[in-house]
Amino acid sequence: MELAVGDVVAEKQYHLTRDSLVRYAGASGDFNPIHYRDDVARSVGLEGVIAHGMLTMGIAVQPVVDWLGTAGAVVDYQVRFTRPVLVDPETGADLTVVAKVGVVDDEGARIDLTVTFNDATVLGKAQVRVTLAGA
């Protein structure tokens, strides 16, 4: 697999709903009410219900996993949570993920993720280290 710095290897949009949050809460065991009750979310200074940070992080890496397929593996993944993803009860929330090659080296590559919601970056310094088959 030939890669060059700056190559966009994946770009995808994901739609979250309140149902998505309930399903994630059940799977993860994270039943913090800021993820399903507007009144509780507002009582702690949020505008409303927000997506789980780990759900956002998991969604963000998925396009890289899909792109890699069996041609490599994710060996490290790190992000900084910079803004919450507000999930409207009626319209939900759309996350956009763009995965771009940041570094290519003997060990594989670093894929830099840009993850946005409402045109604002929600994950900072989102970087995925991958190994590549045959590298």
C-alpha atoms as a PDB file:
ATOM      1  CA  MET A   1       0.000   0.000   0.000  1.00  0.00           C
ATOM      2  CA  GLU A   2       1.631   3.230  -1.176  1.00  0.00           C
ATOM      3  CA  LEU A   3       0.940   6.266   0.988  1.00  0.00           C
ATOM      4  CA  ALA A   4       2.074   9.858   0.883  1.00  0.00           C
ATOM      5  CA  VAL A   5       1.753  12.557   3.514  1.00  0.00           C
ATOM      6  CA  GLY A   6      -1.445  14.479   2.860  1.00  0.00           C
ATOM      7  CA  ASP A   7      -3.362  11.601   1.244  1.00  0.00           C
ATOM      8  CA  VAL A   8      -6.972  11.419   2.415  1.00  0.00           C
ATOM      9  CA  VAL A   9      -7.560   7.728   3.085  1.00  0.00           C
ATOM     10  CA  ALA A  10     -11.135   7.978   4.341  1.00  0.00           C
ATOM     11  CA  GLU A  11     -13.949  10.461   4.742  1.00  0.00           C
ATOM     12  CA  LYS A  12     -17.300   9.603   6.253  1.00  0.00           C
ATOM     13  CA  GLN A  13     -20.289  11.156   7.975  1.00  0.00           C
ATOM     14  CA  TYR A  14     -22.123   9.482  10.850  1.00  0.00           C
ATOM     15  CA  HIS A  15     -25.567  10.355  12.156  1.00  0.00           C
ATOM     16  CA  LEU A  16     -26.201  10.018  15.892  1.00  0.00           C
ATOM     17  CA  THR A  17     -29.633   9.956  17.496  1.00  0.00           C
ATOM     18  CA  ARG A  18     -30.780   9.753  21.078  1.00  0.00           C
ATOM     19  CA  ASP A  19     -31.419   6.075  20.316  1.00  0.00           C
ATOM     20  CA  SER A  20     -27.720   5.724  19.429  1.00  0.00           C
ATOM     21  CA  LEU A  21     -26.844   7.057  22.879  1.00  0.00           C
ATOM     22  CA  VAL A  22     -29.201   4.638  24.638  1.00  0.00           C
ATOM     23  CA  ARG A  23     -27.744   1.707  22.712  1.00  0.00           C
ATOM     24  CA  TYR A  24     -24.199   2.808  23.519  1.00  0.00           C
ATOM     25  CA  ALA A  25     -25.084   3.256  27.202  1.00  0.00           C
ATOM     26  CA  GLY A  26     -26.406  -0.308  27.298  1.00  0.00           C
ATOM     27  CA  ALA A  27     -23.323  -1.705  25.575  1.00  0.00           C
ATOM     28  CA  SER A  28     -20.816   0.273  27.633  1.00  0.00           C
ATOM     29  CA  GLY A  29     -22.581   0.422  30.981  1.00  0.00           C
ATOM     30  CA  ASP A  30     -22.184   4.235  30.998  1.00  0.00           C
ATOM     31  CA  PHE A  31     -25.590   5.446  32.184  1.00  0.00           C
ATOM     32  CA  ASN A  32     -24.541   8.973  33.153  1.00  0.00           C
ATOM     33  CA  PRO A  33     -27.791  10.957  32.764  1.00  0.00           C
ATOM     34  CA  ILE A  34     -26.068  13.766  30.817  1.00  0.00           C
ATOM     35  CA  HIS A  35     -26.299  11.327  27.913  1.00  0.00           C
ATOM     36  CA  TYR A  36     -30.093  10.937  28.026  1.00  0.00           C
ATOM     37  CA  ARG A  37     -31.709  13.654  30.201  1.00  0.00           C
ATOM     38  CA  ASP A  38     -31.724  17.270  29.050  1.00  0.00           C
ATOM     39  CA  ASP A  39     -32.579  18.561  32.540  1.00  0.00           C
ATOM     40  CA  VAL A  40     -29.539  16.880  34.100  1.00  0.00           C
ATOM     41  CA  ALA A  41     -27.271  17.956  31.247  1.00  0.00           C
ATOM     42  CA  ARG A  42     -28.413  21.568  31.648  1.00  0.00           C
ATOM     43  CA  SER A  43     -27.994  21.413  35.429  1.00  0.00           C
ATOM     44  CA  VAL A  44     -24.262  20.832  34.908  1.00  0.00           C
ATOM     45  CA  GLY A  45     -23.887  23.642  32.377  1.00  0.00           C
ATOM     46  CA  LEU A  46     -24.380  21.793  29.105  1.00  0.00           C
ATOM     47  CA  GLU A  47     -26.794  22.946  26.400  1.00  0.00           C
ATOM     48  CA  GLY A  48     -28.485  19.546  26.417  1.00  0.00           C
ATOM     49  CA  VAL A  49     -27.781  15.843  26.087  1.00  0.00           C
ATOM     50  CA  ILE A  50     -24.321  15.053  24.727  1.00  0.00           C
ATOM     51  CA  ALA A  51     -22.828  11.971  23.098  1.00  0.00           C
ATOM     52  CA  HIS A  52     -20.505   9.807  25.152  1.00  0.00           C
ATOM     53  CA  GLY A  53     -16.893  10.784  24.555  1.00  0.00           C
ATOM     54  CA  MET A  54     -15.864   7.187  24.007  1.00  0.00           C
ATOM     55  CA  LEU A  55     -18.682   6.735  21.471  1.00  0.00           C
ATOM     56  CA  THR A  56     -17.388   9.742  19.550  1.00  0.00           C
ATOM     57  CA  MET A  57     -13.846   8.366  19.768  1.00  0.00           C
ATOM     58  CA  GLY A  58     -14.954   4.935  18.559  1.00  0.00           C
ATOM     59  CA  ILE A  59     -16.899   6.351  15.636  1.00  0.00           C
ATOM     60  CA  ALA A  60     -13.936   8.524  14.625  1.00  0.00           C
ATOM     61  CA  VAL A  61     -11.524   5.603  14.202  1.00  0.00           C
ATOM     62  CA  GLN A  62     -13.973   3.408  12.279  1.00  0.00           C
ATOM     63  CA  PRO A  63     -13.183   4.825   8.803  1.00  0.00           C
ATOM     64  CA  VAL A  64      -9.497   4.021   9.377  1.00  0.00           C
ATOM     65  CA  VAL A  65     -10.331   0.472  10.440  1.00  0.00           C
ATOM     66  CA  ASP A  66     -12.541   0.071   7.349  1.00  0.00           C
ATOM     67  CA  TRP A  67      -9.827   1.509   5.069  1.00  0.00           C
ATOM     68  CA  LEU A  68      -7.145  -0.785   6.513  1.00  0.00           C
ATOM     69  CA  GLY A  69      -9.203  -3.945   6.264  1.00  0.00           C
ATOM     70  CA  THR A  70      -6.748  -6.840   6.428  1.00  0.00           C
ATOM     71  CA  ALA A  71      -3.880  -4.755   4.988  1.00  0.00           C
ATOM     72  CA  GLY A  72      -2.739  -3.527   8.405  1.00  0.00           C
ATOM     73  CA  ALA A  73      -3.618  -2.939  12.022  1.00  0.00           C
ATOM     74  CA  VAL A  74      -4.264  -0.078  14.427  1.00  0.00           C
ATOM     75  CA  VAL A  75      -1.479  -0.145  17.029  1.00  0.00           C
ATOM     76  CA  ASP A  76      -2.160   3.123  18.875  1.00  0.00           C
ATOM     77  CA  TYR A  77      -4.986   5.641  18.991  1.00  0.00           C
ATOM     78  CA  GLN A  78      -5.143   8.845  20.987  1.00  0.00           C
ATOM     79  CA  VAL A  79      -7.391  11.897  21.079  1.00  0.00           C
ATOM     80  CA  ARG A  80      -8.132  14.960  23.157  1.00  0.00           C
ATOM     81  CA  PHE A  81     -11.776  15.729  23.780  1.00  0.00           C
ATOM     82  CA  THR A  82     -12.228  19.395  22.861  1.00  0.00           C
ATOM     83  CA  ARG A  83     -15.993  19.979  22.494  1.00  0.00           C
ATOM     84  CA  PRO A  84     -19.106  17.995  23.345  1.00  0.00           C
ATOM     85  CA  VAL A  85     -21.385  16.624  20.638  1.00  0.00           C
ATOM     86  CA  LEU A  86     -24.881  17.891  21.385  1.00  0.00           C
ATOM     87  CA  VAL A  87     -27.494  15.362  20.236  1.00  0.00           C
ATOM     88  CA  ASP A  88     -30.789  17.077  19.509  1.00  0.00           C
ATOM     89  CA  PRO A  89     -33.857  14.987  20.456  1.00  0.00           C
ATOM     90  CA  GLU A  90     -35.414  15.489  17.014  1.00  0.00           C
ATOM     91  CA  THR A  91     -32.596  16.058  14.511  1.00  0.00           C
ATOM     92  CA  GLY A  92     -29.756  14.166  16.211  1.00  0.00           C
ATOM     93  CA  ALA A  93     -26.171  15.088  15.347  1.00  0.00           C
ATOM     94  CA  ASP A  94     -23.913  14.544  12.355  1.00  0.00           C
ATOM     95  CA  LEU A  95     -20.216  13.807  12.853  1.00  0.00           C
ATOM     96  CA  THR A  96     -17.830  14.180   9.937  1.00  0.00           C
ATOM     97  CA  VAL A  97     -14.542  12.281   9.983  1.00  0.00           C
ATOM     98  CA  VAL A  98     -11.662  12.948   7.584  1.00  0.00           C
ATOM     99  CA  ALA A  99      -8.630  10.661   7.864  1.00  0.00           C
ATOM    100  CA  LYS A 100      -5.417  11.999   6.323  1.00  0.00           C
ATOM    101  CA  VAL A 101      -1.887  10.598   6.274  1.00  0.00           C
ATOM    102  CA  GLY A 102       0.292  12.650   8.627  1.00  0.00           C
ATOM    103  CA  VAL A 103       3.486  10.571   8.670  1.00  0.00           C
ATOM    104  CA  VAL A 104       4.821   7.594   6.740  1.00  0.00           C
ATOM    105  CA  ASP A 105       7.780   5.743   8.249  1.00  0.00           C
ATOM    106  CA  ASP A 106       9.379   2.310   8.530  1.00  0.00           C
ATOM    107  CA  GLU A 107       6.835   1.259  11.166  1.00  0.00           C
ATOM    108  CA  GLY A 108       3.773   2.174   9.094  1.00  0.00           C
ATOM    109  CA  ALA A 109       1.922   5.466   9.187  1.00  0.00           C
ATOM    110  CA  ARG A 110       0.242   8.008  11.413  1.00  0.00           C
ATOM    111  CA  ILE A 111      -3.251   8.874  10.291  1.00  0.00           C
ATOM    112  CA  ASP A 112      -4.527  12.244  11.502  1.00  0.00           C
ATOM    113  CA  LEU A 113      -8.258  12.533  12.057  1.00  0.00           C
ATOM    114  CA  THR A 114     -10.330  15.669  11.752  1.00  0.00           C
ATOM    115  CA  VAL A 115     -13.629  15.099  13.524  1.00  0.00           C
ATOM    116  CA  THR A 116     -16.242  17.834  13.321  1.00  0.00           C
ATOM    117  CA  PHE A 117     -19.768  18.522  14.497  1.00  0.00           C
ATOM    118  CA  ASN A 118     -21.552  21.688  13.323  1.00  0.00           C
ATOM    119  CA  ASP A 119     -18.315  22.811  11.642  1.00  0.00           C
ATOM    120  CA  ALA A 120     -16.402  22.706  14.955  1.00  0.00           C
ATOM    121  CA  THR A 121     -13.623  20.240  15.784  1.00  0.00           C
ATOM    122  CA  VAL A 122     -14.691  17.928  18.602  1.00  0.00           C
ATOM    123  CA  LEU A 123     -11.554  15.789  18.923  1.00  0.00           C
ATOM    124  CA  GLY A 124      -8.147  17.419  19.019  1.00  0.00           C
ATOM    125  CA  LYS A 125      -4.846  15.757  18.196  1.00  0.00           C
ATOM    126  CA  ALA A 126      -6.732  12.666  17.040  1.00  0.00           C
ATOM    127  CA  GLN A 127      -4.023  10.366  15.740  1.00  0.00           C
ATOM    128  CA  VAL A 128      -4.031   6.727  14.749  1.00  0.00           C
ATOM    129  CA  ARG A 129      -0.790   4.757  14.374  1.00  0.00           C
ATOM    130  CA  VAL A 130      -1.136   1.903  11.900  1.00  0.00           C
ATOM    131  CA  THR A 131       1.118  -0.859  10.677  1.00  0.00           C
ATOM    132  CA  LEU A 132       0.837  -1.876   7.064  1.00  0.00           C
ATOM    133  CA  ALA A 133       1.169  -5.364   5.608  1.00  0.00           C
ATOM    134  CA  GLY A 134       4.500  -5.688   3.859  1.00  0.00           C
ATOM    135  CA  ALA A 135       5.943  -2.581   5.551  1.00  0.00           C
END
